[in-house]
Amino acid sequence: MAHQRAAIRAAVMAALNGKTTAEGRVYEHALDPLPSEARPALVVRTGDETAEPLAMGRDLRTIPLAIEAHARGKTPAALEAALDALAEEVETAMDALGPTFDGLVLGVQYQGTSITRSAEGEQGADGVATLGYEVQYEARAFGVPA
């Protein structure tokens, strides 16, 4: 059985796959930096998890979820438009997944978007819009038998 973090990433990837201009280029792990020819693409990552004790041998776990929207534009304006379009598509797909990912998690909260752009070259410019979410779920506490 997969860890719940893996199940969360898989649910998000399934919700995004084929639902954005990235089409099927949705990855759990990707080369860093992602090659320009592989864009547009989405990368789903989870970060460091925290846990707080709940009653009866259960923990409330919180993990950051990042969805990186990688895009390329021939001009800075085209790059900005591509990043905005991908971000909107990701938000729409996440809304469709619902606030509990069909009962997989207790809740999901959007945290914001950060954007990074590379220097413009002959082939255009690359950029990444990283949409951040905080995901909470319940799990068995450490040391408690399954």
C-alpha atoms as a PDB file:
ATOM      1  CA  MET A   1       0.000   0.000   0.000  1.00  0.00           C
ATOM      2  CA  ALA A   2       1.375   3.419  -0.969  1.00  0.00           C
ATOM      3  CA  HIS A   3       1.974   6.146   1.579  1.00  0.00           C
ATOM      4  CA  GLN A   4      -0.798   8.716   1.666  1.00  0.00           C
ATOM      5  CA  ARG A   5       1.562  11.370   0.249  1.00  0.00           C
ATOM      6  CA  ALA A   6       1.988   9.190  -2.852  1.00  0.00           C
ATOM      7  CA  ALA A   7      -1.786   8.711  -3.076  1.00  0.00           C
ATOM      8  CA  ILE A   8      -2.284  12.493  -2.856  1.00  0.00           C
ATOM      9  CA  ARG A   9       0.225  13.139  -5.660  1.00  0.00           C
ATOM     10  CA  ALA A  10      -1.400  10.418  -7.784  1.00  0.00           C
ATOM     11  CA  ALA A  11      -4.875  11.926  -7.291  1.00  0.00           C
ATOM     12  CA  VAL A  12      -3.651  15.380  -8.285  1.00  0.00           C
ATOM     13  CA  MET A  13      -1.798  14.023 -11.312  1.00  0.00           C
ATOM     14  CA  ALA A  14      -4.915  12.140 -12.446  1.00  0.00           C
ATOM     15  CA  ALA A  15      -7.000  15.308 -12.036  1.00  0.00           C
ATOM     16  CA  LEU A  16      -4.534  17.314 -14.177  1.00  0.00           C
ATOM     17  CA  ASN A  17      -3.686  14.741 -16.852  1.00  0.00           C
ATOM     18  CA  GLY A  18      -5.272  15.770 -20.143  1.00  0.00           C
ATOM     19  CA  LYS A  19      -7.134  18.703 -18.544  1.00  0.00           C
ATOM     20  CA  THR A  20      -4.646  21.471 -19.394  1.00  0.00           C
ATOM     21  CA  THR A  21      -2.590  22.655 -22.345  1.00  0.00           C
ATOM     22  CA  ALA A  22       0.190  20.501 -20.870  1.00  0.00           C
ATOM     23  CA  GLU A  23      -1.952  17.557 -22.055  1.00  0.00           C
ATOM     24  CA  GLY A  24      -0.311  14.331 -20.816  1.00  0.00           C
ATOM     25  CA  ARG A  25       2.942  15.995 -19.732  1.00  0.00           C
ATOM     26  CA  VAL A  26       2.153  15.730 -16.007  1.00  0.00           C
ATOM     27  CA  TYR A  27       5.036  14.422 -13.933  1.00  0.00           C
ATOM     28  CA  GLU A  28       5.582  13.441 -10.335  1.00  0.00           C
ATOM     29  CA  HIS A  29       9.299  14.018 -10.693  1.00  0.00           C
ATOM     30  CA  ALA A  30      11.000  15.775 -13.539  1.00  0.00           C
ATOM     31  CA  LEU A  31      14.410  16.870 -14.647  1.00  0.00           C
ATOM     32  CA  ASP A  32      15.402  20.156 -13.112  1.00  0.00           C
ATOM     33  CA  PRO A  33      15.437  22.330 -15.085  1.00  0.00           C
ATOM     34  CA  LEU A  34      12.817  20.862 -17.359  1.00  0.00           C
ATOM     35  CA  PRO A  35      14.049  20.971 -20.976  1.00  0.00           C
ATOM     36  CA  SER A  36      12.435  23.728 -23.051  1.00  0.00           C
ATOM     37  CA  GLU A  37      11.183  21.243 -25.628  1.00  0.00           C
ATOM     38  CA  ALA A  38       9.184  19.431 -22.911  1.00  0.00           C
ATOM     39  CA  ARG A  39       7.050  22.519 -22.196  1.00  0.00           C
ATOM     40  CA  PRO A  40       4.250  23.133 -21.459  1.00  0.00           C
ATOM     41  CA  ALA A  41       4.326  20.620 -18.616  1.00  0.00           C
ATOM     42  CA  LEU A  42       3.183  20.209 -15.032  1.00  0.00           C
ATOM     43  CA  VAL A  43       5.202  18.790 -12.142  1.00  0.00           C
ATOM     44  CA  VAL A  44       3.491  17.713  -8.908  1.00  0.00           C
ATOM     45  CA  ARG A  45       5.595  17.696  -5.728  1.00  0.00           C
ATOM     46  CA  THR A  46       5.024  17.403  -1.990  1.00  0.00           C
ATOM     47  CA  GLY A  47       7.300  18.911   0.632  1.00  0.00           C
ATOM     48  CA  ASP A  48       8.177  18.421   4.279  1.00  0.00           C
ATOM     49  CA  GLU A  49       5.315  17.031   6.348  1.00  0.00           C
ATOM     50  CA  THR A  50       4.355  18.069   9.880  1.00  0.00           C
ATOM     51  CA  ALA A  51       2.207  16.125  12.354  1.00  0.00           C
ATOM     52  CA  GLU A  52       0.090  17.083  15.350  1.00  0.00           C
ATOM     53  CA  PRO A  53      -1.373  14.489  17.701  1.00  0.00           C
ATOM     54  CA  LEU A  54      -5.100  13.894  17.601  1.00  0.00           C
ATOM     55  CA  ALA A  55      -7.136  11.674  19.902  1.00  0.00           C
ATOM     56  CA  MET A  56      -7.031   7.862  19.839  1.00  0.00           C
ATOM     57  CA  GLY A  57      -3.604   7.272  18.279  1.00  0.00           C
ATOM     58  CA  ARG A  58      -4.171   9.446  15.218  1.00  0.00           C
ATOM     59  CA  ASP A  59      -2.145  12.345  13.819  1.00  0.00           C
ATOM     60  CA  LEU A  60      -3.213  15.371  11.809  1.00  0.00           C
ATOM     61  CA  ARG A  61      -0.604  15.628   9.069  1.00  0.00           C
ATOM     62  CA  THR A  62       0.018  18.690   6.942  1.00  0.00           C
ATOM     63  CA  ILE A  63       2.063  18.759   3.743  1.00  0.00           C
ATOM     64  CA  PRO A  64       2.731  21.450   1.184  1.00  0.00           C
ATOM     65  CA  LEU A  65       1.694  20.487  -2.333  1.00  0.00           C
ATOM     66  CA  ALA A  66       3.308  22.331  -5.240  1.00  0.00           C
ATOM     67  CA  ILE A  67       2.127  22.190  -8.819  1.00  0.00           C
ATOM     68  CA  GLU A  68       4.747  23.656 -11.126  1.00  0.00           C
ATOM     69  CA  ALA A  69       3.363  24.922 -14.436  1.00  0.00           C
ATOM     70  CA  HIS A  70       6.270  25.083 -16.904  1.00  0.00           C
ATOM     71  CA  ALA A  71       5.748  27.161 -20.045  1.00  0.00           C
ATOM     72  CA  ARG A  72       7.642  28.744 -22.928  1.00  0.00           C
ATOM     73  CA  GLY A  73       6.886  31.908 -24.868  1.00  0.00           C
ATOM     74  CA  LYS A  74       8.453  33.546 -27.895  1.00  0.00           C
ATOM     75  CA  THR A  75       8.227  36.906 -26.109  1.00  0.00           C
ATOM     76  CA  PRO A  76       7.931  37.886 -22.450  1.00  0.00           C
ATOM     77  CA  ALA A  77       4.251  38.759 -23.022  1.00  0.00           C
ATOM     78  CA  ALA A  78       3.599  35.364 -24.635  1.00  0.00           C
ATOM     79  CA  LEU A  79       5.320  33.627 -21.725  1.00  0.00           C
ATOM     80  CA  GLU A  80       3.207  35.565 -19.221  1.00  0.00           C
ATOM     81  CA  ALA A  81       0.024  34.636 -21.112  1.00  0.00           C
ATOM     82  CA  ALA A  82       1.037  30.962 -21.237  1.00  0.00           C
ATOM     83  CA  LEU A  83       1.797  30.883 -17.496  1.00  0.00           C
ATOM     84  CA  ASP A  84      -1.509  32.594 -16.675  1.00  0.00           C
ATOM     85  CA  ALA A  85      -3.452  30.162 -18.873  1.00  0.00           C
ATOM     86  CA  LEU A  86      -1.790  27.109 -17.317  1.00  0.00           C
ATOM     87  CA  ALA A  87      -2.360  28.448 -13.808  1.00  0.00           C
ATOM     88  CA  GLU A  88      -6.065  28.969 -14.564  1.00  0.00           C
ATOM     89  CA  GLU A  89      -6.336  25.447 -15.955  1.00  0.00           C
ATOM     90  CA  VAL A  90      -4.627  23.988 -12.867  1.00  0.00           C
ATOM     91  CA  GLU A  91      -6.944  25.908 -10.542  1.00  0.00           C
ATOM     92  CA  THR A  92      -9.990  24.680 -12.474  1.00  0.00           C
ATOM     93  CA  ALA A  93      -8.788  21.055 -12.290  1.00  0.00           C
ATOM     94  CA  MET A  94      -8.061  21.382  -8.563  1.00  0.00           C
ATOM     95  CA  ASP A  95     -11.532  22.849  -7.977  1.00  0.00           C
ATOM     96  CA  ALA A  96     -13.027  19.869  -9.813  1.00  0.00           C
ATOM     97  CA  LEU A  97     -11.051  17.490  -7.576  1.00  0.00           C
ATOM     98  CA  GLY A  98     -12.869  19.002  -4.610  1.00  0.00           C
ATOM     99  CA  PRO A  99     -11.840  20.099  -1.122  1.00  0.00           C
ATOM    100  CA  THR A 100     -11.268  16.547   0.155  1.00  0.00           C
ATOM    101  CA  PHE A 101      -9.991  14.843  -3.015  1.00  0.00           C
ATOM    102  CA  ASP A 102     -13.010  12.521  -2.855  1.00  0.00           C
ATOM    103  CA  GLY A 103     -12.393  11.698   0.819  1.00  0.00           C
ATOM    104  CA  LEU A 104      -8.641  11.126   0.535  1.00  0.00           C
ATOM    105  CA  VAL A 105      -7.764  14.198   2.647  1.00  0.00           C
ATOM    106  CA  LEU A 106      -9.412  16.328   5.308  1.00  0.00           C
ATOM    107  CA  GLY A 107      -8.896  19.586   3.450  1.00  0.00           C
ATOM    108  CA  VAL A 108      -6.914  21.570   0.919  1.00  0.00           C
ATOM    109  CA  GLN A 109      -6.126  25.272   1.089  1.00  0.00           C
ATOM    110  CA  TYR A 110      -4.667  27.330  -1.759  1.00  0.00           C
ATOM    111  CA  GLN A 111      -1.593  29.222  -0.515  1.00  0.00           C
ATOM    112  CA  GLY A 112      -0.564  31.323  -3.521  1.00  0.00           C
ATOM    113  CA  THR A 113       1.432  31.346  -6.730  1.00  0.00           C
ATOM    114  CA  SER A 114       5.049  32.274  -7.323  1.00  0.00           C
ATOM    115  CA  ILE A 115       6.454  32.921 -10.795  1.00  0.00           C
ATOM    116  CA  THR A 116      10.019  32.617 -12.022  1.00  0.00           C
ATOM    117  CA  ARG A 117      11.227  33.519 -15.504  1.00  0.00           C
ATOM    118  CA  SER A 118      14.475  32.720 -17.253  1.00  0.00           C
ATOM    119  CA  ALA A 119      16.412  35.138 -19.378  1.00  0.00           C
ATOM    120  CA  GLU A 120      15.010  35.585 -22.854  1.00  0.00           C
ATOM    121  CA  GLY A 121      17.057  33.962 -25.603  1.00  0.00           C
ATOM    122  CA  GLU A 122      16.827  33.404 -29.339  1.00  0.00           C
ATOM    123  CA  GLN A 123      14.210  30.699 -28.870  1.00  0.00           C
ATOM    124  CA  GLY A 124      12.106  32.720 -26.411  1.00  0.00           C
ATOM    125  CA  ALA A 125      11.786  32.588 -22.651  1.00  0.00           C
ATOM    126  CA  ASP A 126      10.945  29.843 -20.179  1.00  0.00           C
ATOM    127  CA  GLY A 127       9.054  30.300 -16.957  1.00  0.00           C
ATOM    128  CA  VAL A 128       7.418  28.445 -14.095  1.00  0.00           C
ATOM    129  CA  ALA A 129       4.290  29.345 -12.152  1.00  0.00           C
ATOM    130  CA  THR A 130       4.272  27.337  -8.914  1.00  0.00           C
ATOM    131  CA  LEU A 131       0.825  27.008  -7.370  1.00  0.00           C
ATOM    132  CA  GLY A 132       1.048  26.164  -3.689  1.00  0.00           C
ATOM    133  CA  TYR A 133      -1.509  24.296  -1.619  1.00  0.00           C
ATOM    134  CA  GLU A 134      -1.574  23.053   1.964  1.00  0.00           C
ATOM    135  CA  VAL A 135      -3.070  19.586   2.357  1.00  0.00           C
ATOM    136  CA  GLN A 136      -4.218  18.061   5.648  1.00  0.00           C
ATOM    137  CA  TYR A 137      -4.983  14.418   6.252  1.00  0.00           C
ATOM    138  CA  GLU A 138      -5.363  12.038   9.179  1.00  0.00           C
ATOM    139  CA  ALA A 139      -3.044   9.078   9.734  1.00  0.00           C
ATOM    140  CA  ARG A 140      -2.081   6.547  12.365  1.00  0.00           C
ATOM    141  CA  ALA A 141       0.313   8.019  14.928  1.00  0.00           C
ATOM    142  CA  PHE A 142       3.886   6.765  15.067  1.00  0.00           C
ATOM    143  CA  GLY A 143       4.238   3.680  17.268  1.00  0.00           C
ATOM    144  CA  VAL A 144       0.542   2.770  17.199  1.00  0.00           C
ATOM    145  CA  PRO A 145      -0.133  -0.699  15.758  1.00  0.00           C
ATOM    146  CA  ALA A 146      -1.975  -0.749  12.444  1.00  0.00           C
END
